[in-house]
Amino acid sequence: MADALSENASTTTYDTRTAHTDTFVLDNMPPLSQQPELGSTLPELDFPTRVNCAGEFVDRWAEQDDAGARLALISPHGIRWTYQDLDEIVSRIAHVLTTDLGLTPGNRVMLRGSNSPMLAAIWLAVIKAGGVVVTTLPLLRPKEITYILDKARIDHVLCERGLSGDLAEALEDRPEGVRPRLMYFHGGPEAGLEAAMAAKPVRFTPVDTARTDPCMIAFTSGTTGSPKASVHTHRDVLAVCNTFPRHVLEVSEQDRFIGSPLLAFTYGLGGLLLFPLYHGASTVLLSEGSPIALARAIADFRATVCFSGPTAYRMVATEAHDCDLSSLRACVSAGEALPTATRELWKQKTGIDLTDGIGATELLHIFISMPGRDAPARPGALGRALPGYTAAVWDEQGRALPPGQVGRLAVRGPTGCRYLADERQHDWVKDGWNLTGDSGSLDEDGYFYYRARTDDMIVSAGYNISPAEVEDALLSHPAVLECAAVGVPDSRRGSIVKAFVVLAGNRAPGPQLVEELQNFTKQTIAPHKYPRAMEFCSELPRGGTGKLQRFRLREADEAARKAVSQDAR
């Protein structure tokens, strides 16, 4: 049996026996010399050598007389599962996985489904049975599904019946030897998983995994090249539950979580499943996460903690006029820069200051945010490293920069980047630190001031211009609903700022409005930062999380320039 990875406060070693009989993931982890330095001296991040994290989310509460009857998972379709209910359902599914599908510890299990209590229960069951869960986006096409099947060498697939089409096409021509075992759910009580569960026992002892055994693979959005497969262990999953929700949100058992991100994204996984269940709270899982549906569900279920993104918060603040949001006490924004205008709109709408944060699939969740609820915000700052994490700003040579100087964000803490069989590990981890791809500066107290993604920063005539700053200025104009700023080539300045603008209300695009918005921007921020080019559009390109994809705007601009050049010939 192979050794599992083990981390302590200062290094990474192999000293714990793995429970995995299928060691594919362990065998394809980066060499120790290329892995980040993991660990923390915080007592809440010191976990037992042997632990299965699924037991910490379900069994721990179900076994308590005063907790088992508490609500755990809720859906608008009438599901209201207590922790005791969830324990029995997860156990039944784990038995199906091991007896009907033949799962052995270390096997990879792909999940396909929209947010629902059943998808959440399956996620927990895979880990309880010792598997490695790989949750995928419902909108993935056959080519994208095939990539994940091959990259993670998937052994089993559990798929929502309504999403069978693209999966069937991806599986159609796979040889028998590499075809995963398949079972559907949400197909009715007499078919698929639900039928297989019916006769299974309601108790399943969690597999005795090492804390450093891999338990999940999260694929990045693939904005630069093919998606990367980020591996996380039982210890990683427990670590994020003891940082952001404990120290910033100060979660209690009375909280009820809700939000729009999918469980296939680590932001949604943490905010809508891991955090509430670890702390004994309840969570509402919405299969339809549009801003208006989210606002109505907040009112209907009296949610107290919300996870979403800047665009959704802005739309709720401007369009959900009749929804009662008074139950909310904390609202988290992540995934892209939070414009000041959106923060102010939400404050006016709810009286709540949005809690902004920086996270990454590679580090599993948020690692920089403002301190707890009672800590005063620092104007312009995004926050500081969470307890357990350390942040620094580096120059291009990997040297720490003094306070106030802009450079690359480097982070170290209890979680870190481990790509599955990927040479791009070199780009993300340097000298034990994680290079997140964000740029900004730190002040003398360790507060981080975000500038941009390093590949989004605009350099015009020698000036570094943050696209977020330009967007923030434009969004404060009443004619602008959404906008994005990118750098485009210019013969005189190297690059100029170009803004792509979605208009609000009935404003008509045209040269006069362009001039109005340009002058408005010059009066709001330094004049050299104003958008010298502007294009009106009906919508902005976004990924599955709602994250703005500026690279697609740059590509579209480049294609348009080439077309004009060819016509001129």
Protein backbone atom coordinates (compact mmCIF):
# COMPACT_ATOMS: atom_id res chain seq x y z
CA MET A 1 0.00 0.00 0.00
CA ALA A 2 1.35 3.43 -0.94
CA ASP A 3 2.02 6.25 1.48
CA ALA A 4 -0.35 9.20 1.67
CA LEU A 5 0.76 12.78 1.79
CA SER A 6 1.20 14.29 5.24
CA GLU A 7 1.67 17.96 6.04
CA ASN A 8 2.85 19.70 9.17
CA ALA A 9 3.55 23.32 9.95
CA SER A 10 6.77 23.56 7.99
CA THR A 11 7.09 20.87 5.37
CA THR A 12 5.47 18.15 3.29
CA THR A 13 6.39 14.49 3.78
CA TYR A 14 5.09 10.98 3.27
CA ASP A 15 4.51 9.40 6.67
CA THR A 16 0.90 8.18 6.81
CA ARG A 17 -0.49 4.95 5.38
CA THR A 18 -3.17 5.60 2.78
CA ALA A 19 -6.55 3.89 2.71
CA HIS A 20 -6.55 4.03 -1.10
CA THR A 21 -6.27 0.67 -2.83
CA ASP A 22 -6.50 2.56 -6.13
CA THR A 23 -3.52 4.94 -5.91
CA PHE A 24 -3.91 6.67 -9.30
CA VAL A 25 -4.32 10.14 -7.75
CA LEU A 26 -1.48 9.72 -5.27
CA ASP A 27 0.75 8.38 -8.04
CA ASN A 28 0.09 11.45 -10.20
CA MET A 29 0.58 14.17 -7.59
CA PRO A 30 3.42 16.66 -8.18
CA PRO A 31 6.83 15.74 -6.74
CA LEU A 32 7.28 16.94 -3.17
CA SER A 33 9.82 19.51 -4.34
CA GLN A 34 7.14 21.18 -6.49
CA GLN A 35 4.38 21.23 -3.87
CA PRO A 36 3.52 24.23 -1.68
CA GLU A 37 4.52 24.41 1.94
CA LEU A 38 1.37 23.53 3.86
CA GLY A 39 0.41 23.81 7.47
CA SER A 40 -0.47 26.15 10.32
CA THR A 41 0.19 26.50 14.02
CA LEU A 42 -3.50 27.21 14.75
CA PRO A 43 -4.93 24.48 17.01
CA GLU A 44 -8.21 24.34 15.05
CA LEU A 45 -6.21 23.28 11.97
CA ASP A 46 -4.57 20.32 13.70
CA PHE A 47 -6.60 17.31 12.60
CA PRO A 48 -6.25 13.64 13.55
CA THR A 49 -3.92 11.57 11.38
CA ARG A 50 -6.86 9.31 10.47
CA VAL A 51 -10.02 11.19 9.54
CA ASN A 52 -12.74 10.92 6.91
CA CYS A 53 -14.11 14.43 6.44
CA ALA A 54 -17.60 13.19 5.48
CA GLY A 55 -18.09 12.06 9.07
CA GLU A 56 -17.47 15.61 10.26
CA PHE A 57 -20.32 16.93 8.10
CA VAL A 58 -22.94 14.26 8.77
CA ASP A 59 -22.20 11.55 11.35
CA ARG A 60 -20.96 13.98 14.00
CA TRP A 61 -24.31 15.78 14.10
CA ALA A 62 -26.60 12.81 13.45
CA GLU A 63 -25.19 11.02 16.50
CA GLN A 64 -26.11 13.89 18.82
CA ASP A 65 -29.63 13.69 20.23
CA ASP A 66 -30.02 17.45 20.21
CA ALA A 67 -28.63 17.90 16.70
CA GLY A 68 -29.90 14.98 14.62
CA ALA A 69 -33.38 16.47 14.38
CA ARG A 70 -32.09 19.85 13.13
CA LEU A 71 -32.63 20.73 9.51
CA ALA A 72 -29.59 20.25 7.29
CA LEU A 73 -30.61 20.43 3.60
CA ILE A 74 -33.61 22.26 2.15
CA SER A 75 -34.86 22.78 -1.39
CA PRO A 76 -37.75 24.78 -2.89
CA HIS A 77 -39.18 21.45 -4.11
CA GLY A 78 -40.27 20.38 -0.65
CA ILE A 79 -37.17 18.57 0.64
CA ARG A 80 -36.39 19.26 4.29
CA TRP A 81 -33.80 16.73 5.45
CA THR A 82 -32.61 16.68 9.04
CA TYR A 83 -29.08 15.62 9.91
CA GLN A 84 -30.50 12.20 10.82
CA ASP A 85 -32.24 11.98 7.44
CA LEU A 86 -29.06 13.01 5.66
CA ASP A 87 -26.99 10.44 7.55
CA GLU A 88 -29.32 7.63 6.45
CA ILE A 89 -29.46 8.81 2.82
CA VAL A 90 -25.69 9.26 2.56
CA SER A 91 -25.15 5.80 4.08
CA ARG A 92 -27.57 4.16 1.64
CA ILE A 93 -25.80 5.84 -1.29
CA ALA A 94 -22.40 4.73 0.03
CA HIS A 95 -23.66 1.14 0.07
CA VAL A 96 -24.86 1.48 -3.53
CA LEU A 97 -21.45 2.81 -4.54
CA THR A 98 -19.54 -0.01 -2.90
CA THR A 99 -21.84 -2.98 -3.53
CA ASP A 100 -23.67 -2.15 -6.78
CA LEU A 101 -21.00 -0.09 -8.53
CA GLY A 102 -17.94 -1.73 -7.01
CA LEU A 103 -16.24 1.43 -5.80
CA THR A 104 -12.94 0.86 -4.03
CA PRO A 105 -11.07 3.53 -2.03
CA GLY A 106 -9.26 5.91 -4.36
CA ASN A 107 -11.64 5.42 -7.33
CA ARG A 108 -12.70 8.64 -9.04
CA VAL A 109 -16.45 9.33 -9.22
CA MET A 110 -17.80 11.99 -11.58
CA LEU A 111 -20.99 13.78 -10.52
CA ARG A 112 -23.25 15.65 -12.92
CA GLY A 113 -26.25 17.55 -11.65
CA SER A 114 -27.73 20.90 -10.72
CA ASN A 115 -27.65 22.03 -7.10
CA SER A 116 -29.93 19.77 -5.06
CA PRO A 117 -29.96 17.87 -1.77
CA MET A 118 -29.44 14.61 -3.68
CA LEU A 119 -26.32 15.91 -5.43
CA ALA A 120 -25.00 17.05 -2.04
CA ALA A 121 -25.75 13.65 -0.47
CA ILE A 122 -23.97 11.83 -3.30
CA TRP A 123 -20.93 14.10 -2.88
CA LEU A 124 -20.74 13.19 0.79
CA ALA A 125 -21.35 9.50 0.13
CA VAL A 126 -18.48 9.21 -2.35
CA ILE A 127 -16.06 10.59 0.23
CA LYS A 128 -17.54 8.50 3.05
CA ALA A 129 -16.90 5.41 0.90
CA GLY A 130 -13.26 6.45 0.38
CA GLY A 131 -13.69 7.70 -3.19
CA VAL A 132 -12.40 10.84 -4.88
CA VAL A 133 -15.29 13.03 -6.01
CA VAL A 134 -15.16 15.05 -9.26
CA THR A 135 -18.19 17.35 -9.59
CA THR A 136 -18.78 18.78 -13.08
CA LEU A 137 -20.76 21.68 -14.49
CA PRO A 138 -24.20 20.78 -15.89
CA LEU A 139 -23.50 22.80 -19.05
CA LEU A 140 -20.36 20.92 -20.11
CA ARG A 141 -20.42 19.62 -23.67
CA PRO A 142 -19.27 16.12 -24.74
CA LYS A 143 -15.74 17.26 -25.63
CA GLU A 144 -15.30 18.86 -22.19
CA ILE A 145 -16.74 15.83 -20.41
CA THR A 146 -14.37 13.58 -22.35
CA TYR A 147 -11.40 15.66 -21.23
CA ILE A 148 -12.35 15.18 -17.56
CA LEU A 149 -13.05 11.48 -18.03
CA ASP A 150 -9.57 11.03 -19.45
CA LYS A 151 -7.65 13.41 -17.22
CA ALA A 152 -9.03 12.04 -13.94
CA ARG A 153 -9.42 8.51 -15.32
CA ILE A 154 -12.99 8.39 -14.02
CA ASP A 155 -14.17 4.99 -12.73
CA HIS A 156 -17.83 5.76 -11.96
CA VAL A 157 -20.40 8.38 -13.00
CA LEU A 158 -23.57 9.42 -11.19
CA CYS A 159 -25.62 11.72 -13.41
CA GLU A 160 -28.92 13.53 -13.10
CA ARG A 161 -31.28 11.90 -15.62
CA GLY A 162 -32.05 15.22 -17.31
CA LEU A 163 -28.35 15.68 -18.17
CA SER A 164 -27.90 12.31 -19.83
CA GLY A 165 -27.61 13.57 -23.43
CA ASP A 166 -24.14 15.11 -23.46
CA LEU A 167 -22.80 12.42 -21.15
CA ALA A 168 -24.12 9.64 -23.39
CA GLU A 169 -22.41 11.23 -26.38
CA ALA A 170 -19.13 11.49 -24.46
CA LEU A 171 -19.35 7.82 -23.45
CA GLU A 172 -20.57 6.52 -26.80
CA ASP A 173 -17.27 5.57 -28.41
CA ARG A 174 -15.22 4.80 -25.30
CA PRO A 175 -13.67 1.31 -25.31
CA GLU A 176 -15.07 -1.14 -22.79
CA GLY A 177 -11.90 -1.05 -20.70
CA VAL A 178 -12.11 2.72 -20.07
CA ARG A 179 -15.88 3.06 -19.85
CA PRO A 180 -16.92 4.09 -16.31
CA ARG A 181 -19.80 2.41 -14.51
CA LEU A 182 -22.86 4.65 -14.77
CA MET A 183 -25.95 5.24 -12.66
CA TYR A 184 -28.59 7.96 -12.97
CA PHE A 185 -30.48 9.81 -10.25
CA HIS A 186 -33.57 12.06 -10.24
CA GLY A 187 -35.11 9.62 -12.68
CA GLY A 188 -37.99 8.60 -10.44
CA PRO A 189 -38.24 6.35 -7.37
CA GLU A 190 -38.43 3.15 -9.44
CA ALA A 191 -35.25 3.66 -11.44
CA GLY A 192 -31.57 4.33 -10.98
CA LEU A 193 -29.98 5.39 -7.72
CA GLU A 194 -33.19 5.96 -5.79
CA ALA A 195 -34.36 2.41 -6.49
CA ALA A 196 -30.96 0.95 -5.62
CA MET A 197 -30.92 2.85 -2.31
CA ALA A 198 -34.29 1.57 -1.12
CA ALA A 199 -33.12 -1.75 0.34
CA LYS A 200 -29.70 -0.63 1.55
CA PRO A 201 -28.75 -0.30 5.24
CA VAL A 202 -29.04 3.10 6.89
CA ARG A 203 -25.60 2.88 8.51
CA PHE A 204 -22.23 2.98 6.75
CA THR A 205 -18.98 3.33 8.66
CA PRO A 206 -16.75 5.92 6.99
CA VAL A 207 -13.67 4.42 5.36
CA ASP A 208 -10.63 4.89 7.61
CA THR A 209 -8.83 7.37 5.40
CA ALA A 210 -5.67 9.28 6.20
CA ARG A 211 -6.19 13.00 6.60
CA THR A 212 -3.87 13.45 3.61
CA ASP A 213 -5.68 11.02 1.32
CA PRO A 214 -7.13 12.84 -1.71
CA CYS A 215 -10.92 13.14 -1.53
CA MET A 216 -11.80 15.54 -4.35
CA ILE A 217 -10.55 16.88 -7.67
CA ALA A 218 -11.75 20.33 -8.74
CA PHE A 219 -11.20 21.39 -12.34
CA THR A 220 -10.33 25.03 -13.00
CA SER A 221 -12.27 27.09 -15.53
CA GLY A 222 -9.58 26.70 -18.17
CA THR A 223 -9.25 30.39 -19.05
CA THR A 224 -5.63 29.77 -20.08
CA GLY A 225 -5.26 26.46 -21.90
CA SER A 226 -6.99 23.24 -20.88
CA PRO A 227 -8.58 23.03 -17.42
CA LYS A 228 -6.25 22.02 -14.61
CA ALA A 229 -7.21 19.34 -12.08
CA SER A 230 -6.67 20.57 -8.50
CA VAL A 231 -6.40 17.80 -5.93
CA HIS A 232 -7.60 18.32 -2.34
CA THR A 233 -7.41 16.06 0.68
CA HIS A 234 -9.66 15.38 3.67
CA ARG A 235 -7.46 17.74 5.67
CA ASP A 236 -7.83 20.52 3.07
CA VAL A 237 -11.62 20.28 3.19
CA LEU A 238 -11.65 20.51 6.98
CA ALA A 239 -9.12 23.35 6.95
CA VAL A 240 -11.27 25.71 4.89
CA CYS A 241 -14.19 25.04 7.23
CA ASN A 242 -12.07 26.33 10.11
CA THR A 243 -10.82 29.53 8.48
CA PHE A 244 -13.26 31.77 6.59
CA PRO A 245 -16.57 30.61 8.14
CA ARG A 246 -15.10 30.47 11.65
CA HIS A 247 -13.11 33.70 11.73
CA VAL A 248 -15.01 35.94 9.29
CA LEU A 249 -18.63 34.75 9.18
CA GLU A 250 -18.68 33.46 12.77
CA VAL A 251 -21.21 30.81 11.80
CA SER A 252 -23.68 29.45 14.33
CA GLU A 253 -26.09 26.52 14.28
CA GLN A 254 -28.96 28.98 13.81
CA ASP A 255 -27.66 30.17 10.43
CA ARG A 256 -29.33 29.26 7.16
CA PHE A 257 -27.13 29.50 4.05
CA ILE A 258 -28.22 30.21 0.49
CA GLY A 259 -26.61 31.30 -2.76
CA SER A 260 -26.25 31.08 -6.51
CA PRO A 261 -22.89 29.36 -7.27
CA LEU A 262 -22.90 25.74 -8.35
CA LEU A 263 -21.53 22.98 -6.14
CA ALA A 264 -19.20 22.12 -9.04
CA PHE A 265 -17.25 25.27 -8.14
CA THR A 266 -15.30 25.31 -4.91
CA TYR A 267 -16.78 28.71 -4.02
CA GLY A 268 -20.27 27.19 -4.09
CA LEU A 269 -19.16 23.90 -2.54
CA GLY A 270 -17.73 25.67 0.49
CA GLY A 271 -20.40 28.33 0.88
CA LEU A 272 -23.45 26.14 0.28
CA LEU A 273 -22.44 22.72 1.58
CA LEU A 274 -19.21 22.45 3.56
CA PHE A 275 -19.48 25.54 5.75
CA PRO A 276 -23.09 25.13 6.89
CA LEU A 277 -22.85 21.38 7.53
CA TYR A 278 -19.53 21.53 9.34
CA HIS A 279 -20.94 24.11 11.75
CA GLY A 280 -24.30 22.39 12.22
CA ALA A 281 -26.34 25.00 10.31
CA SER A 282 -28.80 24.48 7.44
CA THR A 283 -28.53 25.29 3.74
CA VAL A 284 -30.99 25.95 0.92
CA LEU A 285 -29.93 24.44 -2.42
CA LEU A 286 -31.47 26.11 -5.46
CA SER A 287 -31.57 24.32 -8.81
CA GLU A 288 -32.31 27.68 -10.43
CA GLY A 289 -29.94 30.35 -9.18
CA SER A 290 -30.92 33.46 -11.14
CA PRO A 291 -30.72 36.70 -9.13
CA ILE A 292 -34.49 37.08 -8.88
CA ALA A 293 -34.98 33.42 -7.90
CA LEU A 294 -32.26 33.88 -5.29
CA ALA A 295 -33.92 36.99 -3.85
CA ARG A 296 -37.30 35.25 -3.61
CA ALA A 297 -35.76 32.21 -1.93
CA ILE A 298 -33.97 34.40 0.62
CA ALA A 299 -37.36 35.82 1.57
CA ASP A 300 -39.18 32.48 1.51
CA PHE A 301 -36.65 30.56 3.61
CA ARG A 302 -35.46 33.44 5.82
CA ALA A 303 -31.84 32.82 4.91
CA THR A 304 -29.16 34.50 7.02
CA VAL A 305 -25.95 34.00 4.99
CA CYS A 306 -25.73 34.45 1.23
CA PHE A 307 -22.95 33.52 -1.23
CA SER A 308 -23.03 35.05 -4.70
CA GLY A 309 -21.10 37.32 -7.07
CA PRO A 310 -21.03 41.07 -7.79
CA THR A 311 -23.27 40.85 -10.86
CA ALA A 312 -26.01 38.95 -9.01
CA TYR A 313 -25.89 41.32 -6.03
CA ARG A 314 -26.20 44.30 -8.35
CA MET A 315 -29.19 42.78 -10.15
CA VAL A 316 -30.95 41.89 -6.90
CA ALA A 317 -30.38 45.41 -5.57
CA THR A 318 -31.82 47.03 -8.70
CA GLU A 319 -34.59 44.59 -9.68
CA ALA A 320 -35.84 42.63 -6.62
CA HIS A 321 -37.93 45.45 -5.23
CA ASP A 322 -40.63 43.34 -3.57
CA CYS A 323 -38.42 40.73 -1.89
CA ASP A 324 -37.90 40.83 1.87
CA LEU A 325 -34.17 40.42 2.51
CA SER A 326 -34.30 41.45 6.17
CA SER A 327 -33.32 37.98 7.44
CA LEU A 328 -29.80 38.31 6.00
CA ARG A 329 -26.93 39.08 8.36
CA ALA A 330 -23.91 38.32 6.11
CA CYS A 331 -23.41 38.36 2.34
CA VAL A 332 -20.24 37.09 0.67
CA SER A 333 -18.96 38.17 -2.73
CA ALA A 334 -16.10 36.49 -4.59
CA GLY A 335 -15.08 35.29 -8.04
CA GLU A 336 -14.33 38.74 -9.47
CA ALA A 337 -13.57 42.24 -8.24
CA LEU A 338 -16.39 43.86 -6.27
CA PRO A 339 -17.07 47.37 -7.63
CA THR A 340 -17.59 50.10 -5.07
CA ALA A 341 -20.84 51.04 -6.81
CA THR A 342 -22.20 47.53 -6.27
CA ARG A 343 -21.11 47.53 -2.65
CA GLU A 344 -22.93 50.83 -2.10
CA LEU A 345 -26.07 49.64 -3.88
CA TRP A 346 -26.22 46.53 -1.68
CA LYS A 347 -25.68 48.59 1.44
CA GLN A 348 -28.57 50.86 0.45
CA LYS A 349 -30.79 47.86 -0.30
CA THR A 350 -30.05 45.74 2.78
CA GLY A 351 -27.98 47.76 5.23
CA ILE A 352 -25.27 45.05 4.96
CA ASP A 353 -21.66 45.55 3.93
CA LEU A 354 -20.75 42.86 1.41
CA THR A 355 -17.92 40.63 2.59
CA ASP A 356 -15.44 40.52 -0.28
CA GLY A 357 -12.76 37.91 -0.65
CA ILE A 358 -10.12 36.36 -2.88
CA GLY A 359 -10.13 32.62 -3.31
CA ALA A 360 -8.93 30.07 -5.84
CA THR A 361 -9.77 26.55 -6.92
CA GLU A 362 -6.15 25.69 -6.19
CA LEU A 363 -6.47 26.77 -2.53
CA LEU A 364 -10.06 25.44 -2.33
CA HIS A 365 -11.70 28.60 -1.02
CA ILE A 366 -11.21 32.19 0.21
CA PHE A 367 -7.84 33.01 1.78
CA ILE A 368 -7.97 36.84 1.94
CA SER A 369 -10.93 38.80 3.32
CA MET A 370 -11.80 41.49 5.80
CA PRO A 371 -11.73 40.31 9.45
CA GLY A 372 -14.89 39.39 11.35
CA ARG A 373 -18.26 41.10 11.42
CA ASP A 374 -17.33 43.75 13.98
CA ALA A 375 -14.00 44.75 12.42
CA PRO A 376 -14.11 48.10 10.60
CA ALA A 377 -13.53 48.05 6.86
CA ARG A 378 -10.39 49.74 5.55
CA PRO A 379 -11.21 51.98 2.54
CA GLY A 380 -9.81 50.56 -0.67
CA ALA A 381 -8.54 47.35 0.92
CA LEU A 382 -9.94 43.95 0.04
CA GLY A 383 -8.82 42.44 3.33
CA ARG A 384 -5.92 40.56 4.82
CA ALA A 385 -4.81 36.95 4.96
CA LEU A 386 -7.14 34.78 7.03
CA PRO A 387 -5.81 33.23 10.24
CA GLY A 388 -3.61 30.33 9.19
CA TYR A 389 -2.55 31.98 5.91
CA THR A 390 0.31 34.35 5.08
CA ALA A 391 0.33 36.75 2.13
CA ALA A 392 3.20 38.56 0.43
CA VAL A 393 3.64 40.67 -2.71
CA TRP A 394 6.53 39.72 -4.99
CA ASP A 395 8.33 41.33 -7.89
CA GLU A 396 9.06 39.37 -11.08
CA GLN A 397 12.19 37.86 -9.52
CA GLY A 398 10.30 36.49 -6.51
CA ARG A 399 11.52 39.10 -4.05
CA ALA A 400 9.16 40.51 -1.43
CA LEU A 401 8.15 44.09 -2.15
CA PRO A 402 7.79 46.75 0.56
CA PRO A 403 4.35 48.11 1.58
CA GLY A 404 2.63 50.13 -1.12
CA GLN A 405 4.39 48.63 -4.14
CA VAL A 406 2.33 46.64 -6.65
CA GLY A 407 3.41 43.13 -7.51
CA ARG A 408 2.29 39.50 -7.67
CA LEU A 409 0.30 38.03 -4.78
CA ALA A 410 1.93 35.02 -3.11
CA VAL A 411 0.10 33.00 -0.45
CA ARG A 412 1.00 30.19 1.94
CA GLY A 413 -1.20 28.35 4.44
CA PRO A 414 -3.10 25.16 5.27
CA THR A 415 -4.23 24.59 1.66
CA GLY A 416 -2.34 24.85 -1.59
CA CYS A 417 -1.99 23.94 -5.24
CA ARG A 418 -1.43 20.33 -6.27
CA TYR A 419 -2.25 19.75 -9.92
CA LEU A 420 -2.88 16.21 -11.13
CA ALA A 421 -0.12 15.27 -13.62
CA ASP A 422 0.35 18.80 -14.97
CA GLU A 423 3.57 20.62 -15.82
CA ARG A 424 1.83 23.92 -15.04
CA GLN A 425 2.46 23.17 -11.36
CA HIS A 426 5.73 25.07 -11.95
CA ASP A 427 3.78 28.25 -12.77
CA TRP A 428 1.66 28.20 -9.64
CA VAL A 429 4.10 27.15 -6.92
CA LYS A 430 7.46 28.83 -6.30
CA ASP A 431 9.65 28.13 -3.26
CA GLY A 432 6.69 26.67 -1.38
CA TRP A 433 4.39 29.65 -2.06
CA ASN A 434 1.25 29.74 -4.22
CA LEU A 435 1.26 32.41 -6.95
CA THR A 436 -2.43 33.15 -7.40
CA GLY A 437 -2.31 35.25 -10.57
CA ASP A 438 -3.57 38.35 -8.72
CA SER A 439 -1.72 41.64 -8.52
CA GLY A 440 -1.87 44.34 -5.87
CA SER A 441 -0.08 45.75 -2.86
CA LEU A 442 0.04 45.30 0.89
CA ASP A 443 0.03 48.06 3.49
CA GLU A 444 2.06 48.03 6.69
CA ASP A 445 -0.70 46.16 8.54
CA GLY A 446 -0.95 43.41 5.95
CA TYR A 447 -4.13 44.61 4.22
CA PHE A 448 -4.22 43.71 0.53
CA TYR A 449 -5.22 46.25 -2.11
CA TYR A 450 -6.34 44.45 -5.24
CA ARG A 451 -5.38 45.76 -8.67
CA ALA A 452 -6.21 43.07 -11.23
CA ARG A 453 -5.48 39.61 -12.42
CA THR A 454 -1.88 39.72 -13.58
CA ASP A 455 -2.94 38.88 -17.12
CA ASP A 456 -5.68 41.58 -17.05
CA MET A 457 -3.53 44.53 -15.96
CA ILE A 458 -3.42 47.25 -18.63
CA VAL A 459 -0.13 49.03 -19.35
CA SER A 460 -0.76 52.22 -21.33
CA ALA A 461 2.00 54.72 -22.10
CA GLY A 462 3.96 53.35 -19.16
CA TYR A 463 1.07 53.59 -16.69
CA ASN A 464 -0.31 50.50 -14.95
CA ILE A 465 -4.11 50.71 -15.06
CA SER A 466 -6.40 48.37 -13.14
CA PRO A 467 -9.45 47.35 -15.20
CA ALA A 468 -11.43 47.07 -11.95
CA GLU A 469 -10.82 50.74 -11.23
CA VAL A 470 -12.11 51.79 -14.66
CA GLU A 471 -15.13 49.52 -14.34
CA ASP A 472 -15.90 50.84 -10.88
CA ALA A 473 -15.94 54.41 -12.21
CA LEU A 474 -18.21 53.57 -15.13
CA LEU A 475 -20.63 51.60 -12.97
CA SER A 476 -21.32 54.67 -10.87
CA HIS A 477 -22.94 56.29 -13.96
CA PRO A 478 -26.71 55.63 -14.11
CA ALA A 479 -26.58 54.65 -17.79
CA VAL A 480 -24.29 51.68 -17.13
CA LEU A 481 -25.70 48.31 -16.05
CA GLU A 482 -22.53 46.26 -16.58
CA CYS A 483 -19.11 46.92 -18.03
CA ALA A 484 -15.67 45.45 -18.58
CA ALA A 485 -12.36 47.16 -19.32
CA VAL A 486 -9.50 45.53 -21.23
CA GLY A 487 -6.27 46.64 -22.82
CA VAL A 488 -6.14 46.66 -26.62
CA PRO A 489 -3.13 47.41 -28.86
CA ASP A 490 -2.34 50.99 -29.79
CA SER A 491 0.52 52.20 -32.00
CA ARG A 492 1.28 55.26 -29.86
CA ARG A 493 0.63 54.09 -26.28
CA GLY A 494 1.32 50.38 -26.58
CA SER A 495 -2.15 49.70 -25.22
CA ILE A 496 -5.23 51.75 -24.47
CA VAL A 497 -8.21 51.09 -22.25
CA LYS A 498 -11.27 49.83 -24.10
CA ALA A 499 -14.60 49.53 -22.27
CA PHE A 500 -17.39 47.14 -23.21
CA VAL A 501 -20.63 48.53 -21.82
CA VAL A 502 -24.10 47.05 -21.25
CA LEU A 503 -26.56 49.92 -20.91
CA ALA A 504 -29.26 50.24 -18.28
CA GLY A 505 -32.87 51.12 -18.96
CA ASN A 506 -33.69 52.74 -22.29
CA ARG A 507 -30.43 54.58 -22.90
CA ALA A 508 -29.49 54.53 -26.56
CA PRO A 509 -25.88 53.90 -27.58
CA GLY A 510 -24.08 56.40 -29.74
CA PRO A 511 -21.13 58.82 -30.00
CA GLN A 512 -22.77 61.32 -27.65
CA LEU A 513 -23.09 58.74 -24.88
CA VAL A 514 -19.51 57.57 -25.46
CA GLU A 515 -18.28 61.11 -24.90
CA GLU A 516 -20.50 61.50 -21.84
CA LEU A 517 -19.15 58.32 -20.26
CA GLN A 518 -15.56 59.20 -21.10
CA ASN A 519 -15.87 62.64 -19.50
CA PHE A 520 -17.61 61.13 -16.50
CA THR A 521 -14.74 58.67 -16.03
CA LYS A 522 -12.13 61.45 -16.27
CA GLN A 523 -13.90 63.27 -13.45
CA THR A 524 -14.07 60.13 -11.29
CA ILE A 525 -10.54 58.73 -11.64
CA ALA A 526 -7.22 60.02 -13.01
CA PRO A 527 -7.79 61.22 -16.59
CA HIS A 528 -5.12 58.97 -18.12
CA LYS A 529 -7.19 55.94 -17.08
CA TYR A 530 -10.32 56.80 -19.03
CA PRO A 531 -11.48 54.39 -21.80
CA ARG A 532 -10.21 55.79 -25.10
CA ALA A 533 -12.29 53.20 -26.94
CA MET A 534 -15.78 52.00 -26.12
CA GLU A 535 -18.14 49.37 -27.46
CA PHE A 536 -21.75 48.80 -26.46
CA CYS A 537 -23.01 45.23 -26.18
CA SER A 538 -26.06 43.35 -24.97
CA GLU A 539 -24.16 41.14 -22.50
CA LEU A 540 -20.68 40.34 -21.23
CA PRO A 541 -19.01 36.93 -21.54
CA ARG A 542 -19.01 35.04 -18.25
CA GLY A 543 -18.01 31.60 -17.09
CA GLY A 544 -20.18 29.14 -15.21
CA THR A 545 -19.54 30.92 -11.91
CA GLY A 546 -20.57 34.25 -13.40
CA LYS A 547 -16.94 35.35 -13.44
CA LEU A 548 -16.19 37.96 -16.11
CA GLN A 549 -14.03 36.57 -18.94
CA ARG A 550 -12.01 39.56 -20.11
CA PHE A 551 -9.81 37.33 -22.26
CA ARG A 552 -12.78 36.67 -24.55
CA LEU A 553 -13.28 40.41 -25.02
CA ARG A 554 -9.62 40.79 -25.93
CA GLU A 555 -9.93 37.94 -28.39
CA ALA A 556 -13.06 39.47 -29.96
CA ASP A 557 -11.34 42.84 -30.32
CA GLU A 558 -8.30 41.19 -31.93
CA ALA A 559 -10.49 39.29 -34.38
CA ALA A 560 -12.35 42.50 -35.31
CA ARG A 561 -9.04 44.31 -35.91
CA LYS A 562 -7.79 41.53 -38.15
CA ALA A 563 -11.02 41.58 -40.15
CA VAL A 564 -10.73 45.35 -40.66
CA SER A 565 -7.09 44.95 -41.71
CA GLN A 566 -7.95 42.28 -44.28
CA ASP A 567 -10.80 44.39 -45.69
CA ALA A 568 -8.43 47.34 -46.04
CA ARG A 569 -6.19 45.25 -48.29
